[in-house]
């Protein structure tokens, strides 16, 4: 019976040791998780910066290529939204056909766009067509003349986006071209502060994105 107190002391010492080990393992796990989370956040920040840099470099190069030449009257850059806008003058009136001047202007920047989409596997280009709100009074069915058939502004805007995409593709590979998509919004999205009937709304915008 006299040995029992020492037995209880030994058991309590063992339990204290086990608890100490458990607490140590818990502290190590918390530190490792914090370190892992910090490393992930840093890698994510670095990836975002790298992707942002690739778009910024491309926009800077496009700006230099456009300069103050003839192309600058047909295309504008918005570096805050990473968009290239093809103005109304790039298309024939009421048509999806690009003018010869527009094809030349697009050709001047096409190489840079090809590098951007090819060198960044997660890069995408959204080619979006817009119109003013002047109604289409009768269907257009002469494809040879107008490069499309349409009976409303949504169809016309989508056709213009499609034709702009075709011109932008150039030498871009088929796989990379799958990341260049089109959409037609018709008169539903006029420029901010601009009347819906204003011809400035007739445009195609190309947005440059890099997915995370």
N, C-alpha and C. Protein backbone atom coordinates (compact mmCIF):
# COMPACT_ATOMS: atom_id res chain seq x y z
N UNK A 1 0.82 -1.20 0.00
CA UNK A 1 0.00 0.00 0.00
C UNK A 1 0.86 1.25 0.00
N UNK A 2 2.08 1.15 0.64
CA UNK A 2 2.94 2.31 0.72
C UNK A 2 3.49 2.72 -0.63
N UNK A 3 3.46 1.76 -1.62
CA UNK A 3 4.01 2.08 -2.95
C UNK A 3 3.03 2.85 -3.81
N UNK A 4 1.78 2.90 -3.48
CA UNK A 4 0.76 3.52 -4.35
C UNK A 4 0.97 5.00 -4.57
N UNK A 5 1.34 5.77 -3.56
CA UNK A 5 1.55 7.21 -3.83
C UNK A 5 2.61 7.43 -4.88
N UNK A 6 3.68 6.67 -4.84
CA UNK A 6 4.73 6.86 -5.86
C UNK A 6 4.22 6.44 -7.23
N UNK A 7 3.33 5.44 -7.28
CA UNK A 7 2.75 5.02 -8.55
C UNK A 7 1.92 6.15 -9.14
N UNK A 8 1.11 6.80 -8.30
CA UNK A 8 0.29 7.92 -8.79
C UNK A 8 1.15 9.09 -9.25
N UNK A 9 2.26 9.28 -8.54
CA UNK A 9 3.19 10.35 -8.94
C UNK A 9 3.78 10.04 -10.31
N UNK A 10 4.14 8.77 -10.53
CA UNK A 10 4.72 8.37 -11.81
C UNK A 10 3.70 8.54 -12.95
N UNK A 11 2.44 8.19 -12.67
CA UNK A 11 1.40 8.33 -13.68
C UNK A 11 1.15 9.79 -14.01
N UNK A 12 1.14 10.64 -12.94
CA UNK A 12 0.91 12.07 -13.19
C UNK A 12 2.07 12.67 -13.97
N UNK A 13 3.29 12.22 -13.66
CA UNK A 13 4.45 12.70 -14.42
C UNK A 13 4.35 12.28 -15.89
N UNK A 14 3.87 11.05 -16.11
CA UNK A 14 3.71 10.55 -17.48
C UNK A 14 2.67 11.36 -18.24
N UNK A 15 1.54 11.63 -17.56
CA UNK A 15 0.48 12.41 -18.20
C UNK A 15 0.96 13.83 -18.50
N UNK A 16 1.72 14.40 -17.59
CA UNK A 16 2.26 15.75 -17.81
C UNK A 16 3.20 15.74 -19.01
N UNK A 17 3.99 14.67 -19.11
CA UNK A 17 4.90 14.57 -20.25
C UNK A 17 4.14 14.43 -21.57
N UNK A 18 3.08 13.62 -21.54
CA UNK A 18 2.26 13.45 -22.75
C UNK A 18 1.63 14.77 -23.15
N UNK A 19 1.09 15.50 -22.20
CA UNK A 19 0.47 16.79 -22.49
C UNK A 19 1.49 17.78 -23.05
N UNK A 20 2.70 17.72 -22.51
CA UNK A 20 3.75 18.62 -23.01
C UNK A 20 4.08 18.30 -24.46
N UNK A 21 4.15 17.00 -24.76
CA UNK A 21 4.43 16.60 -26.14
C UNK A 21 3.30 17.03 -27.07
N UNK A 22 2.06 16.82 -26.61
CA UNK A 22 0.90 17.22 -27.42
C UNK A 22 0.91 18.72 -27.69
N UNK A 23 1.18 19.50 -26.65
CA UNK A 23 1.22 20.95 -26.80
C UNK A 23 2.33 21.37 -27.76
N UNK A 24 3.47 20.69 -27.66
CA UNK A 24 4.59 20.99 -28.55
C UNK A 24 4.22 20.69 -30.00
N UNK A 25 3.58 19.54 -30.22
CA UNK A 25 3.17 19.18 -31.57
C UNK A 25 2.14 20.17 -32.10
N UNK A 26 1.23 20.63 -31.23
CA UNK A 26 0.22 21.60 -31.64
C UNK A 26 0.87 22.92 -32.04
N UNK A 27 1.85 23.36 -31.24
CA UNK A 27 2.55 24.61 -31.56
C UNK A 27 3.29 24.47 -32.88
N UNK A 28 3.96 23.34 -33.10
CA UNK A 28 4.69 23.12 -34.35
C UNK A 28 3.73 23.14 -35.53
N UNK A 29 2.55 22.49 -35.38
CA UNK A 29 1.58 22.46 -36.47
C UNK A 29 1.07 23.85 -36.80
N UNK A 30 0.81 24.66 -35.76
CA UNK A 30 0.33 26.03 -35.99
C UNK A 30 1.39 26.86 -36.70
N UNK A 31 2.63 26.72 -36.27
CA UNK A 31 3.73 27.48 -36.90
C UNK A 31 3.90 27.06 -38.35
N UNK A 32 3.85 25.75 -38.60
CA UNK A 32 4.00 25.26 -39.97
C UNK A 32 2.87 25.77 -40.87
N UNK A 33 1.63 25.76 -40.33
CA UNK A 33 0.50 26.25 -41.13
C UNK A 33 0.65 27.74 -41.43
N UNK A 34 1.06 28.50 -40.42
CA UNK A 34 1.24 29.94 -40.63
C UNK A 34 2.31 30.20 -41.67
N UNK A 35 3.39 29.43 -41.59
CA UNK A 35 4.47 29.58 -42.57
C UNK A 35 4.01 29.21 -43.96
N UNK A 36 3.23 28.10 -44.04
CA UNK A 36 2.71 27.66 -45.32
C UNK A 36 1.75 28.68 -45.91
N UNK A 37 0.86 29.24 -45.07
CA UNK A 37 -0.09 30.25 -45.54
C UNK A 37 0.64 31.49 -46.03
N UNK A 38 1.67 31.90 -45.29
CA UNK A 38 2.43 33.08 -45.67
C UNK A 38 3.14 32.86 -47.01
N UNK A 39 3.70 31.64 -47.17
CA UNK A 39 4.39 31.32 -48.42
C UNK A 39 3.41 31.31 -49.59
N UNK A 40 2.20 30.76 -49.35
CA UNK A 40 1.18 30.73 -50.41
C UNK A 40 0.76 32.14 -50.80
N UNK A 41 0.53 32.99 -49.79
CA UNK A 41 0.12 34.37 -50.07
C UNK A 41 1.21 35.11 -50.85
N UNK A 42 2.46 34.84 -50.50
CA UNK A 42 3.56 35.49 -51.21
C UNK A 42 3.65 35.01 -52.65
N UNK A 43 3.50 33.70 -52.85
CA UNK A 43 3.53 33.15 -54.21
C UNK A 43 2.36 33.68 -55.03
N UNK A 44 1.18 33.80 -54.39
CA UNK A 44 0.01 34.32 -55.09
C UNK A 44 0.22 35.77 -55.48
N UNK A 45 0.80 36.55 -54.55
CA UNK A 45 1.07 37.96 -54.84
C UNK A 45 2.08 38.09 -55.97
N UNK A 46 3.10 37.24 -55.95
CA UNK A 46 4.10 37.28 -57.02
C UNK A 46 3.49 36.91 -58.36
N UNK A 47 2.59 35.90 -58.35
CA UNK A 47 1.94 35.48 -59.60
C UNK A 47 1.06 36.59 -60.14
N UNK A 48 0.31 37.25 -59.24
CA UNK A 48 -0.55 38.35 -59.67
C UNK A 48 0.27 39.48 -60.25
N UNK A 49 1.39 39.79 -59.59
CA UNK A 49 2.25 40.87 -60.08
C UNK A 49 2.82 40.53 -61.45
N UNK A 50 3.22 39.26 -61.61
CA UNK A 50 3.79 38.84 -62.90
C UNK A 50 2.76 38.92 -64.00
N UNK A 51 1.53 38.46 -63.71
CA UNK A 51 0.47 38.50 -64.71
C UNK A 51 0.08 39.94 -65.04
N UNK A 52 0.01 40.77 -63.98
CA UNK A 52 -0.29 42.16 -64.22
C UNK A 52 0.78 42.84 -65.04
N UNK A 53 2.03 42.46 -64.78
CA UNK A 53 3.14 43.04 -65.53
C UNK A 53 3.06 42.68 -67.00
N UNK A 54 2.64 41.44 -67.31
CA UNK A 54 2.58 41.02 -68.71
C UNK A 54 1.55 41.83 -69.48
N UNK A 55 0.42 42.14 -68.84
CA UNK A 55 -0.60 42.97 -69.49
C UNK A 55 -0.10 44.40 -69.61
N UNK A 56 0.53 44.90 -68.55
CA UNK A 56 1.02 46.28 -68.57
C UNK A 56 2.09 46.47 -69.65
N UNK A 57 2.98 45.51 -69.78
CA UNK A 57 4.02 45.60 -70.82
C UNK A 57 3.40 45.60 -72.20
N UNK A 58 2.41 44.72 -72.39
CA UNK A 58 1.76 44.65 -73.69
C UNK A 58 1.02 45.95 -74.01
N UNK A 59 0.34 46.53 -73.03
CA UNK A 59 -0.36 47.79 -73.24
C UNK A 59 0.62 48.91 -73.56
N UNK A 60 1.77 48.90 -72.90
CA UNK A 60 2.78 49.92 -73.16
C UNK A 60 3.31 49.81 -74.59
N UNK A 61 3.55 48.58 -75.03
CA UNK A 61 4.03 48.37 -76.38
C UNK A 61 2.98 48.77 -77.41
N UNK A 62 1.72 48.44 -77.13
CA UNK A 62 0.64 48.84 -78.04
C UNK A 62 0.57 50.36 -78.14
N UNK A 63 0.72 51.03 -77.00
CA UNK A 63 0.69 52.48 -77.01
C UNK A 63 1.79 53.07 -77.87
N UNK A 64 2.97 52.46 -77.79
CA UNK A 64 4.09 52.94 -78.60
C UNK A 64 3.84 52.70 -80.07
N UNK A 65 3.23 51.56 -80.40
CA UNK A 65 2.97 51.24 -81.80
C UNK A 65 1.90 52.17 -82.40
N UNK A 66 0.90 52.46 -81.60
CA UNK A 66 -0.16 53.34 -82.09
C UNK A 66 0.34 54.77 -82.23
N UNK A 67 1.02 55.25 -81.17
CA UNK A 67 1.60 56.59 -81.24
C UNK A 67 0.60 57.64 -81.67
N UNK A 68 1.05 58.51 -82.54
CA UNK A 68 0.18 59.56 -83.07
C UNK A 68 -0.12 59.34 -84.55
N UNK A 69 0.09 58.12 -85.02
CA UNK A 69 -0.11 57.82 -86.43
C UNK A 69 -1.57 57.65 -86.78
N UNK A 70 -1.80 57.20 -88.02
CA UNK A 70 -3.19 57.04 -88.50
C UNK A 70 -3.97 56.05 -87.66
N UNK A 71 -3.28 55.01 -87.16
CA UNK A 71 -3.97 53.99 -86.37
C UNK A 71 -4.55 54.57 -85.10
N UNK A 72 -3.92 55.62 -84.54
CA UNK A 72 -4.42 56.19 -83.30
C UNK A 72 -5.80 56.83 -83.47
N UNK A 73 -6.16 57.17 -84.70
CA UNK A 73 -7.49 57.72 -84.94
C UNK A 73 -8.55 56.66 -85.03
N UNK A 74 -8.12 55.41 -85.19
CA UNK A 74 -9.07 54.30 -85.31
C UNK A 74 -9.13 53.45 -84.04
N UNK A 75 -8.07 53.49 -83.25
CA UNK A 75 -8.00 52.66 -82.05
C UNK A 75 -7.51 53.49 -80.87
N UNK A 76 -8.06 53.22 -79.71
CA UNK A 76 -7.62 53.88 -78.49
C UNK A 76 -7.35 52.84 -77.41
N UNK A 77 -6.48 53.19 -76.47
CA UNK A 77 -6.13 52.31 -75.36
C UNK A 77 -6.61 52.91 -74.05
N UNK A 78 -7.12 52.04 -73.18
CA UNK A 78 -7.47 52.44 -71.82
C UNK A 78 -6.68 51.53 -70.88
N UNK A 79 -5.60 52.04 -70.33
CA UNK A 79 -4.74 51.20 -69.49
C UNK A 79 -5.35 50.90 -68.13
N UNK A 80 -6.32 51.70 -67.71
CA UNK A 80 -6.97 51.45 -66.42
C UNK A 80 -7.86 50.22 -66.47
N UNK A 81 -8.38 49.91 -67.65
CA UNK A 81 -9.25 48.72 -67.81
C UNK A 81 -8.65 47.67 -68.73
N UNK A 82 -7.43 47.93 -69.23
CA UNK A 82 -6.75 47.01 -70.14
C UNK A 82 -7.61 46.69 -71.36
N UNK A 83 -8.05 47.75 -72.02
CA UNK A 83 -8.92 47.60 -73.19
C UNK A 83 -8.36 48.35 -74.40
N UNK A 84 -8.51 47.72 -75.54
CA UNK A 84 -8.22 48.34 -76.83
C UNK A 84 -9.57 48.55 -77.52
N UNK A 85 -9.88 49.78 -77.89
CA UNK A 85 -11.17 50.07 -78.51
C UNK A 85 -11.00 50.39 -79.98
N UNK A 86 -11.76 49.68 -80.83
CA UNK A 86 -11.82 49.97 -82.26
C UNK A 86 -13.03 50.88 -82.47
N UNK A 87 -12.79 52.07 -82.94
CA UNK A 87 -13.86 53.05 -83.08
C UNK A 87 -14.76 52.75 -84.26
N UNK A 88 -15.84 53.50 -84.33
CA UNK A 88 -16.84 53.29 -85.37
C UNK A 88 -16.24 53.31 -86.76
N UNK A 89 -15.23 54.13 -86.99
CA UNK A 89 -14.67 54.28 -88.32
C UNK A 89 -13.97 53.05 -88.87
N UNK A 90 -13.79 52.01 -88.06
CA UNK A 90 -13.11 50.83 -88.57
C UNK A 90 -14.04 49.96 -89.42
N UNK A 91 -15.35 50.24 -89.38
CA UNK A 91 -16.32 49.46 -90.15
C UNK A 91 -17.02 50.34 -91.17
N UNK A 92 -17.40 49.71 -92.27
CA UNK A 92 -18.24 50.41 -93.24
C UNK A 92 -19.60 50.69 -92.59
N UNK A 93 -20.26 51.72 -93.05
CA UNK A 93 -21.55 52.13 -92.48
C UNK A 93 -22.58 51.00 -92.56
N UNK A 94 -23.15 50.63 -91.42
CA UNK A 94 -24.17 49.58 -91.38
C UNK A 94 -23.66 48.22 -91.76
N UNK A 95 -22.33 48.03 -91.66
CA UNK A 95 -21.72 46.80 -92.14
C UNK A 95 -20.79 46.23 -91.07
N UNK A 96 -20.49 44.94 -91.21
CA UNK A 96 -19.48 44.30 -90.36
C UNK A 96 -18.14 44.22 -91.07
N UNK A 97 -18.04 44.75 -92.28
CA UNK A 97 -16.79 44.71 -93.05
C UNK A 97 -15.82 45.76 -92.52
N UNK A 98 -14.59 45.35 -92.26
CA UNK A 98 -13.54 46.28 -91.84
C UNK A 98 -13.07 47.10 -93.03
N UNK A 99 -12.77 48.37 -92.80
CA UNK A 99 -12.23 49.20 -93.87
C UNK A 99 -10.77 48.80 -94.10
N UNK A 100 -10.23 49.10 -95.28
CA UNK A 100 -8.80 48.81 -95.53
C UNK A 100 -7.89 49.49 -94.52
N UNK A 101 -8.22 50.72 -94.12
CA UNK A 101 -7.41 51.43 -93.12
C UNK A 101 -7.43 50.70 -91.79
N UNK A 102 -8.60 50.14 -91.43
CA UNK A 102 -8.72 49.42 -90.17
C UNK A 102 -7.89 48.14 -90.20
N UNK A 103 -7.91 47.43 -91.32
CA UNK A 103 -7.11 46.21 -91.43
C UNK A 103 -5.63 46.53 -91.29
N UNK A 104 -5.19 47.64 -91.87
CA UNK A 104 -3.79 48.03 -91.76
C UNK A 104 -3.44 48.38 -90.32
N UNK A 105 -4.35 49.08 -89.64
CA UNK A 105 -4.11 49.47 -88.25
C UNK A 105 -4.04 48.24 -87.34
N UNK A 106 -4.96 47.30 -87.55
CA UNK A 106 -4.95 46.07 -86.75
C UNK A 106 -3.70 45.26 -87.03
N UNK A 107 -3.28 45.24 -88.30
CA UNK A 107 -2.06 44.52 -88.65
C UNK A 107 -0.83 45.05 -87.94
N UNK A 108 -0.85 46.36 -87.62
CA UNK A 108 0.30 46.98 -86.96
C UNK A 108 0.47 46.50 -85.53
N UNK A 109 -0.61 46.05 -84.90
CA UNK A 109 -0.54 45.62 -83.50
C UNK A 109 -0.75 44.12 -83.34
N UNK A 110 -1.08 43.44 -84.42
CA UNK A 110 -1.44 42.03 -84.33
C UNK A 110 -0.30 41.17 -83.77
N UNK A 111 0.93 41.49 -84.15
CA UNK A 111 2.07 40.70 -83.67
C UNK A 111 2.21 40.74 -82.17
N UNK A 112 2.01 41.90 -81.59
CA UNK A 112 2.10 42.03 -80.13
C UNK A 112 1.00 41.25 -79.45
N UNK A 113 -0.20 41.27 -80.01
CA UNK A 113 -1.31 40.51 -79.44
C UNK A 113 -1.04 39.01 -79.53
N UNK A 114 -0.43 38.59 -80.63
CA UNK A 114 -0.10 37.17 -80.80
C UNK A 114 0.89 36.72 -79.74
N UNK A 115 1.90 37.55 -79.46
CA UNK A 115 2.88 37.22 -78.42
C UNK A 115 2.21 37.14 -77.05
N UNK A 116 1.33 38.07 -76.77
CA UNK A 116 0.66 38.09 -75.47
C UNK A 116 -0.13 36.82 -75.24
N UNK A 117 -0.92 36.41 -76.21
CA UNK A 117 -1.79 35.24 -76.02
C UNK A 117 -0.99 33.94 -76.06
N UNK A 118 0.11 33.92 -76.83
CA UNK A 118 0.92 32.70 -76.95
C UNK A 118 1.86 32.52 -75.77
N UNK A 119 2.38 33.61 -75.24
CA UNK A 119 3.37 33.53 -74.15
C UNK A 119 2.72 33.39 -72.79
N UNK A 120 1.41 33.60 -72.70
CA UNK A 120 0.71 33.49 -71.42
C UNK A 120 -0.41 32.46 -71.54
N UNK A 121 -0.17 31.22 -71.14
CA UNK A 121 -1.18 30.17 -71.30
C UNK A 121 -2.52 30.46 -70.64
N UNK A 122 -2.54 31.35 -69.67
CA UNK A 122 -3.80 31.68 -68.99
C UNK A 122 -4.38 33.02 -69.45
N UNK A 123 -3.79 33.58 -70.51
CA UNK A 123 -4.29 34.85 -71.03
C UNK A 123 -5.54 34.63 -71.87
N UNK A 124 -6.44 35.62 -71.84
CA UNK A 124 -7.65 35.60 -72.65
C UNK A 124 -7.88 36.97 -73.26
N UNK A 125 -8.56 36.99 -74.38
CA UNK A 125 -8.97 38.24 -75.01
C UNK A 125 -10.46 38.17 -75.26
N UNK A 126 -11.19 39.16 -74.76
CA UNK A 126 -12.62 39.24 -74.96
C UNK A 126 -12.90 40.33 -76.00
N UNK A 127 -13.46 39.95 -77.12
CA UNK A 127 -13.75 40.89 -78.20
C UNK A 127 -15.25 41.17 -78.17
N UNK A 128 -15.62 42.40 -77.81
CA UNK A 128 -17.02 42.74 -77.55
C UNK A 128 -17.50 43.82 -78.50
N UNK A 129 -18.64 43.56 -79.15
CA UNK A 129 -19.20 44.51 -80.09
C UNK A 129 -20.36 45.29 -79.49
N UNK A 130 -20.46 46.58 -79.86
CA UNK A 130 -21.52 47.46 -79.37
C UNK A 130 -22.04 48.32 -80.52
N UNK A 131 -23.27 48.82 -80.38
CA UNK A 131 -23.86 49.72 -81.37
C UNK A 131 -24.56 50.87 -80.66
N UNK A 132 -25.04 51.84 -81.47
CA UNK A 132 -25.93 52.86 -80.91
C UNK A 132 -27.34 52.27 -80.89
N UNK A 133 -28.32 53.07 -80.55
CA UNK A 133 -29.68 52.53 -80.43
C UNK A 133 -30.56 52.83 -81.65
N UNK A 134 -29.94 53.24 -82.75
CA UNK A 134 -30.73 53.44 -83.96
C UNK A 134 -31.23 52.09 -84.46
N UNK A 135 -32.52 51.94 -84.66
CA UNK A 135 -33.07 50.62 -85.00
C UNK A 135 -32.71 50.18 -86.42
N UNK A 136 -32.66 48.88 -86.60
CA UNK A 136 -32.50 48.31 -87.94
C UNK A 136 -33.89 48.25 -88.56
N UNK A 137 -34.10 49.01 -89.61
CA UNK A 137 -35.46 49.15 -90.16
C UNK A 137 -35.85 47.99 -91.06
N UNK A 138 -34.86 47.31 -91.64
CA UNK A 138 -35.17 46.15 -92.47
C UNK A 138 -33.99 45.19 -92.47
N UNK A 139 -34.25 43.91 -92.63
CA UNK A 139 -33.17 42.92 -92.58
C UNK A 139 -32.12 43.17 -93.67
N UNK A 140 -30.87 42.93 -93.30
CA UNK A 140 -29.75 43.00 -94.25
C UNK A 140 -29.37 41.57 -94.59
N UNK A 141 -29.44 41.23 -95.87
CA UNK A 141 -29.23 39.83 -96.27
C UNK A 141 -28.11 39.67 -97.30
N UNK A 142 -27.46 40.76 -97.69
CA UNK A 142 -26.38 40.68 -98.68
C UNK A 142 -25.06 40.45 -97.95
N UNK A 143 -24.70 39.18 -97.75
CA UNK A 143 -23.49 38.84 -96.98
C UNK A 143 -22.23 39.34 -97.68
N UNK A 144 -22.17 39.23 -98.98
CA UNK A 144 -20.98 39.65 -99.71
C UNK A 144 -20.70 41.13 -99.49
N UNK A 145 -21.71 41.92 -99.44
CA UNK A 145 -21.54 43.36 -99.29
C UNK A 145 -21.32 43.79 -97.85
N UNK A 146 -22.02 43.14 -96.90
CA UNK A 146 -22.00 43.60 -95.52
C UNK A 146 -21.23 42.67 -94.57
N UNK A 147 -20.68 41.57 -95.09
CA UNK A 147 -19.91 40.62 -94.29
C UNK A 147 -20.74 39.94 -93.20
N UNK A 148 -22.04 40.03 -93.31
CA UNK A 148 -22.94 39.38 -92.36
C UNK A 148 -24.37 39.56 -92.84
N UNK A 149 -25.28 38.87 -92.21
CA UNK A 149 -26.72 39.14 -92.36
C UNK A 149 -27.25 39.44 -90.97
N UNK A 150 -28.14 40.42 -90.87
CA UNK A 150 -28.64 40.78 -89.55
C UNK A 150 -29.98 41.51 -89.67
N UNK A 151 -30.72 41.46 -88.57
CA UNK A 151 -32.00 42.18 -88.53
C UNK A 151 -32.16 42.96 -87.22
N UNK A 152 -31.08 43.02 -86.43
CA UNK A 152 -31.11 43.84 -85.22
C UNK A 152 -29.68 44.22 -84.83
N UNK A 153 -29.56 45.10 -83.87
CA UNK A 153 -28.25 45.61 -83.47
C UNK A 153 -27.40 44.57 -82.74
N UNK A 154 -28.04 43.65 -82.05
CA UNK A 154 -27.29 42.62 -81.36
C UNK A 154 -26.54 41.73 -82.35
N UNK A 155 -27.22 41.36 -83.41
CA UNK A 155 -26.59 40.51 -84.43
C UNK A 155 -25.47 41.27 -85.13
N UNK A 156 -25.70 42.55 -85.43
CA UNK A 156 -24.67 43.35 -86.08
C UNK A 156 -23.44 43.52 -85.17
N UNK A 157 -23.67 43.78 -83.90
CA UNK A 157 -22.53 43.97 -82.99
C UNK A 157 -21.72 42.69 -82.83
N UNK A 158 -22.41 41.54 -82.80
CA UNK A 158 -21.70 40.26 -82.70
C UNK A 158 -20.89 39.99 -83.97
N UNK A 159 -21.47 40.34 -85.13
CA UNK A 159 -20.76 40.14 -86.40
C UNK A 159 -19.53 41.03 -86.47
N UNK A 160 -19.62 42.24 -86.00
CA UNK A 160 -18.46 43.14 -85.99
C UNK A 160 -17.37 42.61 -85.06
N UNK A 161 -17.77 42.10 -83.91
CA UNK A 161 -16.79 41.50 -83.00
C UNK A 161 -16.13 40.29 -83.64
N UNK A 162 -16.91 39.51 -84.36
CA UNK A 162 -16.37 38.33 -85.05
C UNK A 162 -15.36 38.73 -86.12
N UNK A 163 -15.67 39.74 -86.92
CA UNK A 163 -14.76 40.18 -87.96
C UNK A 163 -13.49 40.79 -87.38
N UNK A 164 -13.63 41.52 -86.28
CA UNK A 164 -12.45 42.06 -85.61
C UNK A 164 -11.57 40.94 -85.08
N UNK A 165 -12.20 39.90 -84.52
CA UNK A 165 -11.44 38.75 -84.02
C UNK A 165 -10.66 38.10 -85.16
N UNK A 166 -11.30 37.93 -86.29
CA UNK A 166 -10.62 37.31 -87.43
C UNK A 166 -9.39 38.10 -87.83
N UNK A 167 -9.51 39.42 -87.83
CA UNK A 167 -8.37 40.26 -88.20
C UNK A 167 -7.27 40.20 -87.15
N UNK A 168 -7.66 40.08 -85.88
CA UNK A 168 -6.69 40.04 -84.79
C UNK A 168 -5.95 38.72 -84.71
N UNK A 169 -6.56 37.65 -85.20
CA UNK A 169 -5.95 36.32 -85.09
C UNK A 169 -4.59 36.25 -85.79
N UNK A 170 -4.55 36.65 -87.05
CA UNK A 170 -3.29 36.61 -87.78
C UNK A 170 -2.65 35.24 -87.73
N UNK A 171 -1.45 35.17 -87.14
CA UNK A 171 -0.68 33.92 -87.07
C UNK A 171 -0.88 33.18 -85.76
N UNK A 172 -1.85 33.58 -84.96
CA UNK A 172 -2.09 32.91 -83.68
C UNK A 172 -2.53 31.47 -83.92
N UNK A 173 -1.97 30.55 -83.15
CA UNK A 173 -2.27 29.13 -83.33
C UNK A 173 -3.73 28.84 -83.00
N UNK A 174 -4.20 27.70 -83.48
CA UNK A 174 -5.60 27.31 -83.24
C UNK A 174 -5.89 27.14 -81.75
N UNK A 175 -4.92 26.56 -81.01
CA UNK A 175 -5.13 26.35 -79.58
C UNK A 175 -5.24 27.68 -78.84
N UNK A 176 -4.34 28.61 -79.16
CA UNK A 176 -4.37 29.92 -78.51
C UNK A 176 -5.63 30.69 -78.91
N UNK A 177 -6.08 30.50 -80.15
CA UNK A 177 -7.26 31.22 -80.64
C UNK A 177 -8.51 30.86 -79.86
N UNK A 178 -8.52 29.69 -79.21
CA UNK A 178 -9.68 29.28 -78.42
C UNK A 178 -9.88 30.19 -77.22
N UNK A 179 -8.83 30.94 -76.86
CA UNK A 179 -8.92 31.85 -75.72
C UNK A 179 -9.25 33.28 -76.14
N UNK A 180 -9.66 33.43 -77.38
CA UNK A 180 -10.12 34.72 -77.89
C UNK A 180 -11.59 34.56 -78.26
N UNK A 181 -12.47 35.14 -77.47
CA UNK A 181 -13.91 34.91 -77.64
C UNK A 181 -14.61 36.22 -77.97
N UNK A 182 -15.80 36.11 -78.55
CA UNK A 182 -16.55 37.29 -78.98
C UNK A 182 -17.91 37.34 -78.28
N UNK A 183 -18.44 38.55 -78.19
CA UNK A 183 -19.78 38.76 -77.65
C UNK A 183 -20.35 40.02 -78.30
N UNK A 184 -21.67 40.03 -78.52
CA UNK A 184 -22.33 41.19 -79.07
C UNK A 184 -23.36 41.73 -78.11
N UNK A 185 -23.24 43.00 -77.73
CA UNK A 185 -24.14 43.60 -76.74
C UNK A 185 -25.11 44.60 -77.36
N UNK A 186 -25.03 44.81 -78.67
CA UNK A 186 -25.95 45.73 -79.31
C UNK A 186 -25.93 47.10 -78.67
N UNK A 187 -27.12 47.66 -78.46
CA UNK A 187 -27.23 49.00 -77.88
C UNK A 187 -27.36 48.98 -76.36
N UNK A 188 -27.20 47.80 -75.74
CA UNK A 188 -27.49 47.66 -74.31
C UNK A 188 -26.45 48.29 -73.39
N UNK A 189 -25.27 48.64 -73.91
CA UNK A 189 -24.22 49.21 -73.05
C UNK A 189 -23.58 50.43 -73.70
N UNK A 190 -24.28 51.55 -73.69
CA UNK A 190 -23.67 52.77 -74.25
C UNK A 190 -22.50 53.23 -73.38
N UNK A 191 -21.65 54.04 -73.96
CA UNK A 191 -20.52 54.59 -73.21
C UNK A 191 -21.03 55.45 -72.05
N UNK A 192 -20.33 55.47 -70.92
CA UNK A 192 -20.77 56.28 -69.78
C UNK A 192 -20.90 57.76 -70.16
N UNK A 193 -22.03 58.34 -69.82
CA UNK A 193 -22.24 59.75 -70.08
C UNK A 193 -22.52 60.11 -71.53
N UNK A 194 -22.71 59.10 -72.37
CA UNK A 194 -22.95 59.34 -73.80
C UNK A 194 -24.37 58.90 -74.14
N UNK A 195 -25.07 59.72 -74.90
CA UNK A 195 -26.43 59.38 -75.30
C UNK A 195 -26.44 58.10 -76.12
N UNK A 196 -27.47 57.28 -75.93
CA UNK A 196 -27.52 55.97 -76.59
C UNK A 196 -27.53 56.09 -78.11
N UNK A 197 -27.98 57.21 -78.65
CA UNK A 197 -28.03 57.40 -80.10
C UNK A 197 -26.71 57.91 -80.67
N UNK A 198 -25.76 58.26 -79.81
CA UNK A 198 -24.48 58.82 -80.26
C UNK A 198 -23.69 57.77 -81.05
N UNK A 199 -23.16 58.14 -82.22
CA UNK A 199 -22.40 57.17 -83.03
C UNK A 199 -21.13 56.67 -82.36
N UNK A 200 -20.67 57.36 -81.32
CA UNK A 200 -19.48 56.88 -80.61
C UNK A 200 -19.71 55.52 -79.94
N UNK A 201 -20.98 55.18 -79.76
CA UNK A 201 -21.29 53.88 -79.16
C UNK A 201 -21.03 52.72 -80.12
N UNK A 202 -20.89 53.03 -81.40
CA UNK A 202 -20.61 51.97 -82.38
C UNK A 202 -19.12 51.66 -82.31
N UNK A 203 -18.79 50.57 -81.64
CA UNK A 203 -17.38 50.27 -81.36
C UNK A 203 -17.20 48.78 -81.09
N UNK A 204 -15.93 48.35 -81.10
CA UNK A 204 -15.56 47.01 -80.64
C UNK A 204 -14.46 47.20 -79.61
N UNK A 205 -14.63 46.59 -78.46
CA UNK A 205 -13.64 46.67 -77.40
C UNK A 205 -12.98 45.31 -77.21
N UNK A 206 -11.66 45.34 -77.09
CA UNK A 206 -10.88 44.12 -76.84
C UNK A 206 -10.31 44.23 -75.43
N UNK A 207 -10.74 43.33 -74.55
CA UNK A 207 -10.25 43.34 -73.18
C UNK A 207 -9.23 42.24 -72.98
N UNK A 208 -8.14 42.56 -72.29
CA UNK A 208 -7.05 41.61 -72.07
C UNK A 208 -7.07 41.15 -70.61
N UNK A 209 -7.11 39.83 -70.42
CA UNK A 209 -7.20 39.24 -69.10
C UNK A 209 -6.16 38.14 -68.94
N UNK A 210 -5.72 37.95 -67.70
CA UNK A 210 -4.87 36.80 -67.36
C UNK A 210 -5.49 36.15 -66.14
N UNK A 211 -5.97 34.92 -66.28
CA UNK A 211 -6.62 34.22 -65.17
C UNK A 211 -5.60 33.85 -64.10
N UNK A 212 -6.10 33.73 -62.86
CA UNK A 212 -5.23 33.34 -61.75
C UNK A 212 -4.96 31.85 -61.79
